[in-house]
PDB file of N, CA and C in Angstrom:
ATOM      1  N   MET A   1      12.834  -2.688 -32.885  1.00  0.00           N
ATOM      2  CA  MET A   1      12.379  -3.981 -32.392  1.00  0.00           C
ATOM      3  C   MET A   1      11.419  -3.760 -31.218  1.00  0.00           C
ATOM      4  N   ARG A   2      10.322  -4.461 -31.239  1.00  0.00           N
ATOM      5  CA  ARG A   2       9.318  -4.332 -30.188  1.00  0.00           C
ATOM      6  C   ARG A   2       9.531  -5.425 -29.137  1.00  0.00           C
ATOM      7  N   GLN A   3       9.358  -5.034 -27.894  1.00  0.00           N
ATOM      8  CA  GLN A   3       9.434  -5.963 -26.783  1.00  0.00           C
ATOM      9  C   GLN A   3       8.027  -6.127 -26.209  1.00  0.00           C
ATOM     10  N   ARG A   4       7.766  -7.287 -25.652  1.00  0.00           N
ATOM     11  CA  ARG A   4       6.497  -7.526 -24.976  1.00  0.00           C
ATOM     12  C   ARG A   4       6.697  -7.304 -23.476  1.00  0.00           C
ATOM     13  N   TYR A   5       5.791  -6.523 -22.889  1.00  0.00           N
ATOM     14  CA  TYR A   5       5.854  -6.213 -21.471  1.00  0.00           C
ATOM     15  C   TYR A   5       4.550  -6.604 -20.805  1.00  0.00           C
ATOM     16  N   LEU A   6       4.656  -7.038 -19.573  1.00  0.00           N
ATOM     17  CA  LEU A   6       3.512  -7.231 -18.707  1.00  0.00           C
ATOM     18  C   LEU A   6       3.568  -6.093 -17.706  1.00  0.00           C
ATOM     19  N   LEU A   7       2.504  -5.317 -17.638  1.00  0.00           N
ATOM     20  CA  LEU A   7       2.482  -4.163 -16.755  1.00  0.00           C
ATOM     21  C   LEU A   7       1.307  -4.327 -15.787  1.00  0.00           C
ATOM     22  N   ALA A   8       1.600  -4.226 -14.493  1.00  0.00           N
ATOM     23  CA  ALA A   8       0.574  -4.315 -13.456  1.00  0.00           C
ATOM     24  C   ALA A   8       0.724  -3.104 -12.553  1.00  0.00           C
ATOM     25  N   TYR A   9      -0.408  -2.604 -12.074  1.00  0.00           N
ATOM     26  CA  TYR A   9      -0.339  -1.414 -11.234  1.00  0.00           C
ATOM     27  C   TYR A   9      -1.307  -1.506 -10.067  1.00  0.00           C
ATOM     28  N   ASP A  10      -0.933  -0.814  -9.004  1.00  0.00           N
ATOM     29  CA  ASP A  10      -1.739  -0.705  -7.790  1.00  0.00           C
ATOM     30  C   ASP A  10      -1.777   0.780  -7.462  1.00  0.00           C
ATOM     31  N   VAL A  11      -2.925   1.408  -7.700  1.00  0.00           N
ATOM     32  CA  VAL A  11      -3.069   2.851  -7.531  1.00  0.00           C
ATOM     33  C   VAL A  11      -4.052   3.098  -6.397  1.00  0.00           C
ATOM     34  N   ALA A  12      -3.637   3.884  -5.398  1.00  0.00           N
ATOM     35  CA  ALA A  12      -4.415   4.076  -4.178  1.00  0.00           C
ATOM     36  C   ALA A  12      -5.683   4.899  -4.371  1.00  0.00           C
ATOM     37  N   ASP A  13      -5.659   5.884  -5.217  1.00  0.00           N
ATOM     38  CA  ASP A  13      -6.783   6.807  -5.388  1.00  0.00           C
ATOM     39  C   ASP A  13      -7.641   6.394  -6.586  1.00  0.00           C
ATOM     40  N   PRO A  14      -8.969   6.277  -6.416  1.00  0.00           N
ATOM     41  CA  PRO A  14      -9.837   5.854  -7.517  1.00  0.00           C
ATOM     42  C   PRO A  14      -9.766   6.760  -8.756  1.00  0.00           C
ATOM     43  N   LYS A  15      -9.595   8.049  -8.581  1.00  0.00           N
ATOM     44  CA  LYS A  15      -9.496   8.954  -9.737  1.00  0.00           C
ATOM     45  C   LYS A  15      -8.213   8.697 -10.515  1.00  0.00           C
ATOM     46  N   ARG A  16      -7.112   8.529  -9.806  1.00  0.00           N
ATOM     47  CA  ARG A  16      -5.844   8.220 -10.483  1.00  0.00           C
ATOM     48  C   ARG A  16      -5.913   6.843 -11.124  1.00  0.00           C
ATOM     49  N   LEU A  17      -6.568   5.900 -10.459  1.00  0.00           N
ATOM     50  CA  LEU A  17      -6.721   4.548 -11.005  1.00  0.00           C
ATOM     51  C   LEU A  17      -7.430   4.590 -12.353  1.00  0.00           C
ATOM     52  N   ARG A  18      -8.514   5.348 -12.450  1.00  0.00           N
ATOM     53  CA  ARG A  18      -9.236   5.469 -13.727  1.00  0.00           C
ATOM     54  C   ARG A  18      -8.365   6.135 -14.785  1.00  0.00           C
ATOM     55  N   ARG A  19      -7.593   7.149 -14.387  1.00  0.00           N
ATOM     56  CA  ARG A  19      -6.718   7.838 -15.348  1.00  0.00           C
ATOM     57  C   ARG A  19      -5.631   6.894 -15.864  1.00  0.00           C
ATOM     58  N   VAL A  20      -5.068   6.091 -14.973  1.00  0.00           N
ATOM     59  CA  VAL A  20      -4.038   5.127 -15.394  1.00  0.00           C
ATOM     60  C   VAL A  20      -4.652   4.114 -16.357  1.00  0.00           C
ATOM     61  N   PHE A  21      -5.836   3.591 -16.031  1.00  0.00           N
ATOM     62  CA  PHE A  21      -6.488   2.621 -16.911  1.00  0.00           C
ATOM     63  C   PHE A  21      -6.730   3.209 -18.293  1.00  0.00           C
ATOM     64  N   LYS A  22      -7.262   4.426 -18.364  1.00  0.00           N
ATOM     65  CA  LYS A  22      -7.513   5.073 -19.660  1.00  0.00           C
ATOM     66  C   LYS A  22      -6.216   5.266 -20.430  1.00  0.00           C
ATOM     67  N   ALA A  23      -5.162   5.676 -19.751  1.00  0.00           N
ATOM     68  CA  ALA A  23      -3.871   5.869 -20.414  1.00  0.00           C
ATOM     69  C   ALA A  23      -3.332   4.541 -20.941  1.00  0.00           C
ATOM     70  N   MET A  24      -3.459   3.477 -20.156  1.00  0.00           N
ATOM     71  CA  MET A  24      -2.930   2.176 -20.552  1.00  0.00           C
ATOM     72  C   MET A  24      -3.633   1.620 -21.778  1.00  0.00           C
ATOM     73  N   LYS A  25      -4.917   1.924 -21.961  1.00  0.00           N
ATOM     74  CA  LYS A  25      -5.638   1.425 -23.123  1.00  0.00           C
ATOM     75  C   LYS A  25      -5.003   1.903 -24.427  1.00  0.00           C
ATOM     76  N   GLY A  26      -4.270   3.001 -24.388  1.00  0.00           N
ATOM     77  CA  GLY A  26      -3.588   3.494 -25.568  1.00  0.00           C
ATOM     78  C   GLY A  26      -2.258   2.802 -25.845  1.00  0.00           C
ATOM     79  N   PHE A  27      -1.810   1.975 -24.906  1.00  0.00           N
ATOM     80  CA  PHE A  27      -0.511   1.326 -25.052  1.00  0.00           C
ATOM     81  C   PHE A  27      -0.569  -0.195 -25.140  1.00  0.00           C
ATOM     82  N   GLY A  28      -1.672  -0.797 -24.701  1.00  0.00           N
ATOM     83  CA  GLY A  28      -1.691  -2.250 -24.690  1.00  0.00           C
ATOM     84  C   GLY A  28      -3.080  -2.802 -24.491  1.00  0.00           C
ATOM     85  N   ASP A  29      -3.125  -4.094 -24.194  1.00  0.00           N
ATOM     86  CA  ASP A  29      -4.377  -4.828 -24.043  1.00  0.00           C
ATOM     87  C   ASP A  29      -4.555  -5.241 -22.585  1.00  0.00           C
ATOM     88  N   ALA A  30      -5.732  -4.966 -22.033  1.00  0.00           N
ATOM     89  CA  ALA A  30      -6.036  -5.378 -20.668  1.00  0.00           C
ATOM     90  C   ALA A  30      -6.190  -6.892 -20.618  1.00  0.00           C
ATOM     91  N   LEU A  31      -5.479  -7.527 -19.698  1.00  0.00           N
ATOM     92  CA  LEU A  31      -5.598  -8.969 -19.498  1.00  0.00           C
ATOM     93  C   LEU A  31      -6.479  -9.262 -18.290  1.00  0.00           C
ATOM     94  N   GLN A  32      -6.347  -8.443 -17.262  1.00  0.00           N
ATOM     95  CA  GLN A  32      -7.150  -8.517 -16.053  1.00  0.00           C
ATOM     96  C   GLN A  32      -7.216  -7.103 -15.488  1.00  0.00           C
ATOM     97  N   TYR A  33      -7.964  -6.929 -14.393  1.00  0.00           N
ATOM     98  CA  TYR A  33      -7.990  -5.616 -13.759  1.00  0.00           C
ATOM     99  C   TYR A  33      -6.565  -5.202 -13.413  1.00  0.00           C
ATOM    100  N   SER A  34      -6.165  -4.053 -13.856  1.00  0.00           N
ATOM    101  CA  SER A  34      -4.859  -3.464 -13.540  1.00  0.00           C
ATOM    102  C   SER A  34      -3.676  -4.253 -14.087  1.00  0.00           C
ATOM    103  N   VAL A  35      -3.896  -5.105 -15.097  1.00  0.00           N
ATOM    104  CA  VAL A  35      -2.810  -5.870 -15.721  1.00  0.00           C
ATOM    105  C   VAL A  35      -2.947  -5.740 -17.239  1.00  0.00           C
ATOM    106  N   PHE A  36      -1.866  -5.300 -17.889  1.00  0.00           N
ATOM    107  CA  PHE A  36      -1.878  -5.092 -19.333  1.00  0.00           C
ATOM    108  C   PHE A  36      -0.708  -5.808 -19.986  1.00  0.00           C
ATOM    109  N   ARG A  37      -0.934  -6.249 -21.231  1.00  0.00           N
ATOM    110  CA  ARG A  37       0.131  -6.740 -22.091  1.00  0.00           C
ATOM    111  C   ARG A  37       0.387  -5.651 -23.115  1.00  0.00           C
ATOM    112  N   CYS A  38       1.660  -5.249 -23.246  1.00  0.00           N
ATOM    113  CA  CYS A  38       2.016  -4.167 -24.164  1.00  0.00           C
ATOM    114  C   CYS A  38       3.186  -4.599 -25.037  1.00  0.00           C
ATOM    115  N   ASP A  39       3.048  -4.444 -26.348  1.00  0.00           N
ATOM    116  CA  ASP A  39       4.150  -4.650 -27.288  1.00  0.00           C
ATOM    117  C   ASP A  39       4.635  -3.260 -27.668  1.00  0.00           C
ATOM    118  N   LEU A  40       5.830  -2.899 -27.206  1.00  0.00           N
ATOM    119  CA  LEU A  40       6.298  -1.522 -27.325  1.00  0.00           C
ATOM    120  C   LEU A  40       7.697  -1.435 -27.903  1.00  0.00           C
ATOM    121  N   SER A  41       7.921  -0.377 -28.663  1.00  0.00           N
ATOM    122  CA  SER A  41       9.284  -0.019 -29.059  1.00  0.00           C
ATOM    123  C   SER A  41       9.921   0.706 -27.860  1.00  0.00           C
ATOM    124  N   ALA A  42      11.200   0.966 -27.924  1.00  0.00           N
ATOM    125  CA  ALA A  42      11.881   1.681 -26.845  1.00  0.00           C
ATOM    126  C   ALA A  42      11.285   3.077 -26.653  1.00  0.00           C
ATOM    127  N   VAL A  43      10.943   3.738 -27.746  1.00  0.00           N
ATOM    128  CA  VAL A  43      10.346   5.079 -27.670  1.00  0.00           C
ATOM    129  C   VAL A  43       8.969   5.015 -27.025  1.00  0.00           C
ATOM    130  N   GLU A  44       8.161   4.021 -27.402  1.00  0.00           N
ATOM    131  CA  GLU A  44       6.829   3.879 -26.814  1.00  0.00           C
ATOM    132  C   GLU A  44       6.902   3.581 -25.320  1.00  0.00           C
ATOM    133  N   LYS A  45       7.871   2.747 -24.907  1.00  0.00           N
ATOM    134  CA  LYS A  45       8.039   2.456 -23.483  1.00  0.00           C
ATOM    135  C   LYS A  45       8.412   3.724 -22.733  1.00  0.00           C
ATOM    136  N   PHE A  46       9.294   4.522 -23.293  1.00  0.00           N
ATOM    137  CA  PHE A  46       9.699   5.789 -22.682  1.00  0.00           C
ATOM    138  C   PHE A  46       8.485   6.706 -22.515  1.00  0.00           C
ATOM    139  N   LYS A  47       7.652   6.798 -23.562  1.00  0.00           N
ATOM    140  CA  LYS A  47       6.448   7.635 -23.505  1.00  0.00           C
ATOM    141  C   LYS A  47       5.470   7.113 -22.456  1.00  0.00           C
ATOM    142  N   LEU A  48       5.281   5.791 -22.410  1.00  0.00           N
ATOM    143  CA  LEU A  48       4.389   5.191 -21.436  1.00  0.00           C
ATOM    144  C   LEU A  48       4.825   5.540 -20.020  1.00  0.00           C
ATOM    145  N   LYS A  49       6.100   5.376 -19.742  1.00  0.00           N
ATOM    146  CA  LYS A  49       6.605   5.695 -18.399  1.00  0.00           C
ATOM    147  C   LYS A  49       6.391   7.169 -18.063  1.00  0.00           C
ATOM    148  N   GLY A  50       6.581   8.045 -19.041  1.00  0.00           N
ATOM    149  CA  GLY A  50       6.354   9.472 -18.819  1.00  0.00           C
ATOM    150  C   GLY A  50       4.902   9.774 -18.497  1.00  0.00           C
ATOM    151  N   VAL A  51       3.981   9.151 -19.244  1.00  0.00           N
ATOM    152  CA  VAL A  51       2.546   9.347 -19.000  1.00  0.00           C
ATOM    153  C   VAL A  51       2.186   8.862 -17.598  1.00  0.00           C
ATOM    154  N   LEU A  52       2.664   7.684 -17.231  1.00  0.00           N
ATOM    155  CA  LEU A  52       2.335   7.138 -15.914  1.00  0.00           C
ATOM    156  C   LEU A  52       2.913   7.980 -14.786  1.00  0.00           C
ATOM    157  N   LEU A  53       4.126   8.480 -14.966  1.00  0.00           N
ATOM    158  CA  LEU A  53       4.737   9.304 -13.924  1.00  0.00           C
ATOM    159  C   LEU A  53       4.012  10.630 -13.728  1.00  0.00           C
ATOM    160  N   GLU A  54       3.304  11.079 -14.771  1.00  0.00           N
ATOM    161  CA  GLU A  54       2.500  12.296 -14.635  1.00  0.00           C
ATOM    162  C   GLU A  54       1.215  12.035 -13.849  1.00  0.00           C
ATOM    163  N   ILE A  55       0.754  10.790 -13.811  1.00  0.00           N
ATOM    164  CA  ILE A  55      -0.513  10.454 -13.168  1.00  0.00           C
ATOM    165  C   ILE A  55      -0.326   9.960 -11.736  1.00  0.00           C
ATOM    166  N   ILE A  56       0.589   9.020 -11.538  1.00  0.00           N
ATOM    167  CA  ILE A  56       0.702   8.368 -10.230  1.00  0.00           C
ATOM    168  C   ILE A  56       1.405   9.273  -9.217  1.00  0.00           C
ATOM    169  N   LYS A  57       1.202   8.924  -7.943  1.00  0.00           N
ATOM    170  CA  LYS A  57       1.975   9.514  -6.852  1.00  0.00           C
ATOM    171  C   LYS A  57       2.963   8.449  -6.427  1.00  0.00           C
ATOM    172  N   GLU A  58       4.232   8.733  -6.628  1.00  0.00           N
ATOM    173  CA  GLU A  58       5.255   7.721  -6.400  1.00  0.00           C
ATOM    174  C   GLU A  58       5.361   7.273  -4.948  1.00  0.00           C
ATOM    175  N   ASP A  59       4.846   8.059  -4.009  1.00  0.00           N
ATOM    176  CA  ASP A  59       4.898   7.663  -2.610  1.00  0.00           C
ATOM    177  C   ASP A  59       3.643   6.906  -2.160  1.00  0.00           C
ATOM    178  N   GLU A  60       2.642   6.740  -3.071  1.00  0.00           N
ATOM    179  CA  GLU A  60       1.413   6.028  -2.736  1.00  0.00           C
ATOM    180  C   GLU A  60       1.098   4.882  -3.699  1.00  0.00           C
ATOM    181  N   ASP A  61       1.497   5.000  -4.934  1.00  0.00           N
ATOM    182  CA  ASP A  61       1.123   4.046  -5.984  1.00  0.00           C
ATOM    183  C   ASP A  61       2.347   3.264  -6.440  1.00  0.00           C
ATOM    184  N   ARG A  62       2.087   2.168  -7.142  1.00  0.00           N
ATOM    185  CA  ARG A  62       3.213   1.415  -7.705  1.00  0.00           C
ATOM    186  C   ARG A  62       2.817   0.798  -9.038  1.00  0.00           C
ATOM    187  N   VAL A  63       3.807   0.715  -9.896  1.00  0.00           N
ATOM    188  CA  VAL A  63       3.644   0.132 -11.227  1.00  0.00           C
ATOM    189  C   VAL A  63       4.795  -0.852 -11.414  1.00  0.00           C
ATOM    190  N   MET A  64       4.464  -2.041 -11.892  1.00  0.00           N
ATOM    191  CA  MET A  64       5.487  -3.045 -12.170  1.00  0.00           C
ATOM    192  C   MET A  64       5.493  -3.308 -13.675  1.00  0.00           C
ATOM    193  N   ILE A  65       6.673  -3.248 -14.278  1.00  0.00           N
ATOM    194  CA  ILE A  65       6.837  -3.516 -15.705  1.00  0.00           C
ATOM    195  C   ILE A  65       7.780  -4.708 -15.843  1.00  0.00           C
ATOM    196  N   VAL A  66       7.290  -5.775 -16.469  1.00  0.00           N
ATOM    197  CA  VAL A  66       8.081  -6.994 -16.643  1.00  0.00           C
ATOM    198  C   VAL A  66       8.352  -7.185 -18.129  1.00  0.00           C
ATOM    199  N   ASP A  67       9.617  -7.279 -18.503  1.00  0.00           N
ATOM    200  CA  ASP A  67      10.011  -7.508 -19.886  1.00  0.00           C
ATOM    201  C   ASP A  67       9.898  -9.003 -20.176  1.00  0.00           C
ATOM    202  N   LEU A  68       9.007  -9.356 -21.123  1.00  0.00           N
ATOM    203  CA  LEU A  68       8.798 -10.756 -21.486  1.00  0.00           C
ATOM    204  C   LEU A  68       9.566 -11.177 -22.736  1.00  0.00           C
ATOM    205  N   GLY A  69      10.383 -10.274 -23.265  1.00  0.00           N
ATOM    206  CA  GLY A  69      11.175 -10.618 -24.440  1.00  0.00           C
ATOM    207  C   GLY A  69      10.580 -10.057 -25.714  1.00  0.00           C
ATOM    208  N   PRO A  70      11.115 -10.461 -26.853  1.00  0.00           N
ATOM    209  CA  PRO A  70      10.654  -9.932 -28.136  1.00  0.00           C
ATOM    210  C   PRO A  70       9.164 -10.172 -28.363  1.00  0.00           C
ATOM    211  N   ALA A  71       8.487  -9.156 -28.871  1.00  0.00           N
ATOM    212  CA  ALA A  71       7.061  -9.275 -29.187  1.00  0.00           C
ATOM    213  C   ALA A  71       6.879 -10.381 -30.216  1.00  0.00           C
ATOM    214  N   GLY A  72       5.939 -11.232 -29.985  1.00  0.00           N
ATOM    215  CA  GLY A  72       5.686 -12.337 -30.907  1.00  0.00           C
ATOM    216  C   GLY A  72       6.636 -13.498 -30.734  1.00  0.00           C
ATOM    217  N   GLY A  73       7.595 -13.374 -29.824  1.00  0.00           N
ATOM    218  CA  GLY A  73       8.589 -14.420 -29.644  1.00  0.00           C
ATOM    219  C   GLY A  73       8.061 -15.667 -28.977  1.00  0.00           C
ATOM    220  N   ARG A  74       7.251 -15.476 -27.916  1.00  0.00           N
ATOM    221  CA  ARG A  74       6.745 -16.634 -27.184  1.00  0.00           C
ATOM    222  C   ARG A  74       5.234 -16.737 -27.253  1.00  0.00           C
ATOM    223  N   GLY A  75       4.556 -15.657 -27.553  1.00  0.00           N
ATOM    224  CA  GLY A  75       3.098 -15.699 -27.670  1.00  0.00           C
ATOM    225  C   GLY A  75       2.416 -16.082 -26.376  1.00  0.00           C
ATOM    226  N   GLU A  76       1.361 -16.875 -26.495  1.00  0.00           N
ATOM    227  CA  GLU A  76       0.571 -17.254 -25.331  1.00  0.00           C
ATOM    228  C   GLU A  76       1.328 -18.171 -24.380  1.00  0.00           C
ATOM    229  N   ILE A  77       2.388 -18.794 -24.831  1.00  0.00           N
ATOM    230  CA  ILE A  77       3.137 -19.713 -23.987  1.00  0.00           C
ATOM    231  C   ILE A  77       3.646 -19.004 -22.732  1.00  0.00           C
ATOM    232  N   ALA A  78       3.890 -17.702 -22.819  1.00  0.00           N
ATOM    233  CA  ALA A  78       4.393 -16.954 -21.677  1.00  0.00           C
ATOM    234  C   ALA A  78       3.317 -16.727 -20.619  1.00  0.00           C
ATOM    235  N   PHE A  79       2.036 -16.972 -20.941  1.00  0.00           N
ATOM    236  CA  PHE A  79       0.941 -16.724 -20.016  1.00  0.00           C
ATOM    237  C   PHE A  79       0.301 -18.042 -19.603  1.00  0.00           C
ATOM    238  N   GLU A  80       0.179 -18.236 -18.312  1.00  0.00           N
ATOM    239  CA  GLU A  80      -0.476 -19.428 -17.788  1.00  0.00           C
ATOM    240  C   GLU A  80      -1.603 -18.967 -16.872  1.00  0.00           C
ATOM    241  N   TYR A  81      -2.779 -19.549 -17.008  1.00  0.00           N
ATOM    242  CA  TYR A  81      -3.951 -19.133 -16.249  1.00  0.00           C
ATOM    243  C   TYR A  81      -4.507 -20.289 -15.444  1.00  0.00           C
ATOM    244  N   LEU A  82      -5.117 -19.951 -14.324  1.00  0.00           N
ATOM    245  CA  LEU A  82      -5.913 -20.889 -13.542  1.00  0.00           C
ATOM    246  C   LEU A  82      -7.285 -20.263 -13.389  1.00  0.00           C
ATOM    247  N   GLY A  83      -8.340 -21.020 -13.585  1.00  0.00           N
ATOM    248  CA  GLY A  83      -9.682 -20.467 -13.461  1.00  0.00           C
ATOM    249  C   GLY A  83     -10.124 -19.762 -14.723  1.00  0.00           C
ATOM    250  N   VAL A  84     -11.106 -18.879 -14.583  1.00  0.00           N
ATOM    251  CA  VAL A  84     -11.690 -18.155 -15.709  1.00  0.00           C
ATOM    252  C   VAL A  84     -10.668 -17.205 -16.301  1.00  0.00           C
ATOM    253  N   ARG A  85     -10.631 -17.134 -17.615  1.00  0.00           N
ATOM    254  CA  ARG A  85      -9.708 -16.211 -18.267  1.00  0.00           C
ATOM    255  C   ARG A  85     -10.321 -15.695 -19.555  1.00  0.00           C
ATOM    256  N   ASP A  86      -9.882 -14.513 -19.946  1.00  0.00           N
ATOM    257  CA  ASP A  86     -10.246 -13.964 -21.240  1.00  0.00           C
ATOM    258  C   ASP A  86      -9.189 -14.390 -22.233  1.00  0.00           C
ATOM    259  N   GLU A  87      -9.579 -14.483 -23.486  1.00  0.00           N
ATOM    260  CA  GLU A  87      -8.609 -14.790 -24.527  1.00  0.00           C
ATOM    261  C   GLU A  87      -7.638 -13.626 -24.672  1.00  0.00           C
ATOM    262  N   ILE A  88      -6.388 -13.922 -24.927  1.00  0.00           N
ATOM    263  CA  ILE A  88      -5.411 -12.878 -25.185  1.00  0.00           C
ATOM    264  C   ILE A  88      -5.757 -12.260 -26.528  1.00  0.00           C
ATOM    265  N   PRO A  89      -5.849 -10.936 -26.597  1.00  0.00           N
ATOM    266  CA  PRO A  89      -6.251 -10.289 -27.857  1.00  0.00           C
ATOM    267  C   PRO A  89      -5.325 -10.657 -29.008  1.00  0.00           C
ATOM    268  N   VAL A  90      -5.895 -10.696 -30.197  1.00  0.00           N
ATOM    269  CA  VAL A  90      -5.145 -10.977 -31.416  1.00  0.00           C
ATOM    270  C   VAL A  90      -4.167  -9.831 -31.654  1.00  0.00           C
ATOM    271  N   GLU A  91      -2.997 -10.170 -32.165  1.00  0.00           N
ATOM    272  CA  GLU A  91      -1.987  -9.153 -32.466  1.00  0.00           C
ATOM    273  C   GLU A  91      -2.572  -8.068 -33.352  1.00  0.00           C
ATOM    274  N   HIS A  92      -2.191  -6.833 -33.073  1.00  0.00           N
ATOM    275  CA  HIS A  92      -2.613  -5.691 -33.892  1.00  0.00           C
ATOM    276  C   HIS A  92      -1.614  -4.577 -33.715  1.00  0.00           C
ATOM    277  N   ASP A  93      -1.659  -3.637 -34.609  1.00  0.00           N
ATOM    278  CA  ASP A  93      -0.793  -2.479 -34.508  1.00  0.00           C
ATOM    279  C   ASP A  93      -1.301  -1.583 -33.379  1.00  0.00           C
ATOM    280  N   ALA A  94      -0.398  -1.012 -32.619  1.00  0.00           N
ATOM    281  CA  ALA A  94      -0.779  -0.091 -31.550  1.00  0.00           C
ATOM    282  C   ALA A  94      -0.754   1.327 -32.072  1.00  0.00           C
ATOM    283  N   PHE A  95      -1.713   2.095 -31.625  1.00  0.00           N
ATOM    284  CA  PHE A  95      -1.785   3.496 -31.989  1.00  0.00           C
ATOM    285  C   PHE A  95      -1.722   4.312 -30.717  1.00  0.00           C
ATOM    286  N   ILE A  96      -0.800   5.231 -30.652  1.00  0.00           N
ATOM    287  CA  ILE A  96      -0.669   6.101 -29.497  1.00  0.00           C
ATOM    288  C   ILE A  96      -1.307   7.430 -29.813  1.00  0.00           C
ATOM    289  N   VAL A  97      -2.240   7.823 -28.958  1.00  0.00           N
ATOM    290  CA  VAL A  97      -2.987   9.061 -29.190  1.00  0.00           C
ATOM    291  C   VAL A  97      -2.488  10.119 -28.229  1.00  0.00           C
TER     292      VAL A  97
END
């Protein structure tokens, strides 16, 4: 079963920030700068956390992972925007490279 997660990060170093962004593109869809929506299985979430822990410095950077429930369960209703926004990407299969 896949869960939908909202992942946001604050990375102090620009090089690590770019590495985190590139890594995240393999796991989910960018909603805003440093904010991703990810539909992940338990194994994929475990892998994502491992990849991020290899990149970030835990004493300087932070990553927040919010469980939004079953993937496809609430859809866009879980997201509310004010101002300019991009459309939430259409559902697709994720490929981990």
